[in-house]
Amino acid sequence: MERFLPGTTLGLDDEAGSPEMRIKSLFLAGGLTLSQVASVTGLEPYTVQNWVKRGFLSPPQKKRYTLEQLCRLININLLRGILPLEESLHLMEYLNGDLADESDDLVADSQLYFLFVSLFDQVRSSEDLNNALDRLTADYSDPGTREKLRQVLRVMDLCWAANCLRAKAETIMQTL
């Protein structure tokens, strides 16, 4: 069974480099088009456009999406499989305030995603989760930001685990 980077359609392949390198390499030629964003996230293009229109992320510049916009979409996408869209958005707002205004963000969307992927790689038990959260958030000197980030990463981890369990249950159900 092929594994994917959480929230994306990108296969998880050790030989392809780190997840951060893989995603950042998509931007070597500049931003991504709507069809490229849709391909990476698995979202329909009209969904991405609707989320822009509703203010969940800023509009693309010259029809190109940035790394931050892609990561915002991926973060919401990996949560919405378990949480209702409104709760996924609330979680992003809890950490970064107004979604339409990136200037008030405590943690960049790309940083949040790459921290989550690191957490995803490291966590095997609840004790590991706390240790991994301690390591991953150690660089955040503001205790309020660090605690918010820990809570958001905890929710993201639980949502992704629930998503994986749901997919396994659906696979079993198809064989019955």
Protein backbone atom coordinates (compact mmCIF):
# COMPACT_ATOMS: atom_id res chain seq x y z
CA MET A 1 0.00 0.00 0.00
CA GLU A 2 1.48 3.32 -1.08
CA ARG A 3 1.84 5.97 1.60
CA PHE A 4 1.45 9.68 0.96
CA LEU A 5 2.69 12.87 2.56
CA PRO A 6 -0.16 13.88 4.87
CA GLY A 7 -2.76 16.06 3.15
CA THR A 8 -1.24 15.55 -0.31
CA THR A 9 -1.17 13.14 -3.23
CA LEU A 10 2.64 13.02 -3.10
CA GLY A 11 3.98 9.53 -2.44
CA LEU A 12 6.14 9.05 0.63
CA ASP A 13 9.44 7.90 -0.82
CA ASP A 14 12.66 7.92 1.20
CA GLU A 15 14.75 8.26 -1.95
CA ALA A 16 12.92 11.41 -3.06
CA GLY A 17 14.41 13.57 -0.28
CA SER A 18 12.88 15.14 2.78
CA PRO A 19 9.23 16.18 2.61
CA GLU A 20 10.29 19.81 2.96
CA MET A 21 12.71 19.52 0.04
CA ARG A 22 10.12 17.74 -2.08
CA ILE A 23 7.49 20.39 -1.58
CA LYS A 24 9.88 23.33 -1.87
CA SER A 25 11.27 21.88 -5.10
CA LEU A 26 7.82 22.30 -6.65
CA PHE A 27 8.44 26.06 -6.50
CA LEU A 28 11.83 26.17 -8.23
CA ALA A 29 10.22 27.61 -11.37
CA GLY A 30 8.05 30.05 -9.37
CA GLY A 31 4.55 29.59 -8.02
CA LEU A 32 2.13 26.78 -8.81
CA THR A 33 -0.86 27.05 -11.11
CA LEU A 34 -4.34 26.10 -9.93
CA SER A 35 -4.14 22.75 -11.73
CA GLN A 36 -0.79 21.99 -10.06
CA VAL A 37 -2.19 22.91 -6.62
CA ALA A 38 -5.19 20.68 -7.29
CA SER A 39 -2.90 17.84 -8.34
CA VAL A 40 -0.72 18.11 -5.21
CA THR A 41 -3.61 18.48 -2.75
CA GLY A 42 -6.18 16.23 -4.39
CA LEU A 43 -8.68 19.09 -4.08
CA GLU A 44 -10.92 20.05 -6.97
CA PRO A 45 -9.91 23.36 -8.58
CA TYR A 46 -13.34 24.84 -7.81
CA THR A 47 -12.81 24.00 -4.10
CA VAL A 48 -9.51 25.90 -4.07
CA GLN A 49 -11.13 28.86 -5.84
CA ASN A 50 -14.06 28.78 -3.43
CA TRP A 51 -11.73 28.81 -0.43
CA VAL A 52 -9.93 31.83 -1.88
CA LYS A 53 -13.25 33.57 -2.47
CA ARG A 54 -14.34 32.82 1.12
CA GLY A 55 -11.08 34.26 2.51
CA PHE A 56 -9.52 31.03 3.79
CA LEU A 57 -6.35 31.99 1.93
CA SER A 58 -5.17 35.01 0.00
CA PRO A 59 -5.72 35.16 -3.77
CA PRO A 60 -2.92 33.92 -6.00
CA GLN A 61 -0.65 36.54 -7.55
CA LYS A 62 -0.57 36.44 -11.36
CA LYS A 63 -2.47 33.13 -11.16
CA ARG A 64 0.35 31.54 -9.17
CA TYR A 65 0.08 30.08 -5.68
CA THR A 66 2.93 30.42 -3.18
CA LEU A 67 4.41 27.84 -0.83
CA GLU A 68 2.48 29.43 2.05
CA GLN A 69 -0.81 29.19 0.17
CA LEU A 70 -0.17 25.56 -0.78
CA CYS A 71 0.68 24.66 2.81
CA ARG A 72 -2.44 26.43 4.10
CA LEU A 73 -4.51 24.31 1.71
CA ILE A 74 -2.70 21.14 2.75
CA ASN A 75 -3.15 21.92 6.46
CA ILE A 76 -6.88 22.49 6.07
CA ASN A 77 -7.21 19.49 3.76
CA LEU A 78 -5.61 17.05 6.19
CA LEU A 79 -7.87 18.28 9.00
CA ARG A 80 -11.13 18.39 7.12
CA GLY A 81 -11.20 14.63 6.59
CA ILE A 82 -12.10 14.37 10.29
CA LEU A 83 -13.12 17.86 11.47
CA PRO A 84 -15.87 19.89 9.83
CA LEU A 85 -14.40 22.63 7.65
CA GLU A 86 -15.44 25.33 10.13
CA GLU A 87 -13.55 23.61 12.97
CA SER A 88 -10.48 23.15 10.75
CA LEU A 89 -10.54 26.86 10.00
CA HIS A 90 -11.06 27.69 13.67
CA LEU A 91 -7.92 25.70 14.53
CA MET A 92 -5.90 27.66 11.94
CA GLU A 93 -7.35 30.94 13.29
CA TYR A 94 -6.53 29.90 16.89
CA LEU A 95 -2.87 29.85 15.94
CA ASN A 96 -2.68 32.58 13.32
CA GLY A 97 -5.62 34.94 13.69
CA ASP A 98 -7.36 36.25 10.58
CA LEU A 99 -6.81 33.74 7.77
CA ALA A 100 -6.96 36.45 5.12
CA ASP A 101 -4.13 38.39 6.81
CA GLU A 102 -0.78 36.58 6.85
CA SER A 103 0.91 39.49 8.65
CA ASP A 104 -0.62 38.43 12.00
CA ASP A 105 0.54 34.79 11.74
CA LEU A 106 2.46 33.43 14.73
CA VAL A 107 3.70 30.46 12.68
CA ALA A 108 3.91 30.40 8.88
CA ASP A 109 1.67 27.82 7.22
CA SER A 110 4.68 26.10 5.65
CA GLN A 111 6.44 25.93 9.02
CA LEU A 112 3.31 24.45 10.61
CA TYR A 113 3.04 21.83 7.90
CA PHE A 114 6.72 20.87 8.03
CA LEU A 115 6.59 20.68 11.84
CA PHE A 116 3.56 18.40 11.52
CA VAL A 117 5.34 16.16 9.00
CA SER A 118 8.32 15.95 11.40
CA LEU A 119 5.94 15.06 14.21
CA PHE A 120 4.24 12.48 11.99
CA ASP A 121 7.66 10.90 11.34
CA GLN A 122 8.68 10.81 15.02
CA VAL A 123 5.54 9.83 16.92
CA ARG A 124 4.89 6.22 17.86
CA SER A 125 3.24 6.59 21.31
CA SER A 126 1.69 9.32 23.45
CA GLU A 127 4.99 9.63 25.36
CA ASP A 128 6.77 10.09 22.04
CA LEU A 129 4.19 12.72 21.10
CA ASN A 130 4.99 14.86 24.13
CA ASN A 131 8.74 14.44 23.66
CA ALA A 132 8.47 15.23 19.95
CA LEU A 133 6.33 18.29 20.67
CA ASP A 134 8.92 19.48 23.20
CA ARG A 135 11.70 19.12 20.61
CA LEU A 136 9.78 20.64 17.72
CA THR A 137 8.53 23.68 19.63
CA ALA A 138 11.70 24.37 21.65
CA ASP A 139 12.75 27.23 19.31
CA TYR A 140 9.59 29.22 20.02
CA SER A 141 10.60 31.53 22.86
CA ASP A 142 7.13 32.97 23.51
CA PRO A 143 5.36 30.50 25.83
CA GLY A 144 1.94 31.47 24.47
CA THR A 145 2.93 30.78 20.89
CA ARG A 146 4.67 27.56 21.88
CA GLU A 147 1.60 26.27 23.74
CA LYS A 148 -0.78 27.22 20.91
CA LEU A 149 1.51 25.48 18.43
CA ARG A 150 1.67 22.36 20.63
CA GLN A 151 -2.13 22.21 20.82
CA VAL A 152 -2.58 22.70 17.07
CA LEU A 153 0.03 20.03 16.27
CA ARG A 154 -1.65 17.67 18.75
CA VAL A 155 -5.01 18.11 17.01
CA MET A 156 -3.41 17.71 13.57
CA ASP A 157 -1.74 14.48 14.71
CA LEU A 158 -4.99 13.07 16.09
CA CYS A 159 -6.91 14.04 12.96
CA TRP A 160 -4.33 12.40 10.71
CA ALA A 161 -4.34 9.23 12.83
CA ALA A 162 -8.15 9.15 12.71
CA ASN A 163 -8.03 9.68 8.94
CA CYS A 164 -5.66 6.72 8.55
CA LEU A 165 -7.84 4.50 10.74
CA ARG A 166 -10.95 5.48 8.80
CA ALA A 167 -9.19 4.60 5.52
CA LYS A 168 -8.20 1.19 6.93
CA ALA A 169 -11.78 0.55 8.06
CA GLU A 170 -13.09 1.51 4.60
CA THR A 171 -10.61 -0.88 2.95
CA ILE A 172 -11.77 -3.72 5.20
CA MET A 173 -15.40 -2.88 4.54
CA GLN A 174 -14.81 -3.17 0.79
CA THR A 175 -13.69 -6.76 1.26
CA LEU A 176 -16.79 -7.81 3.20
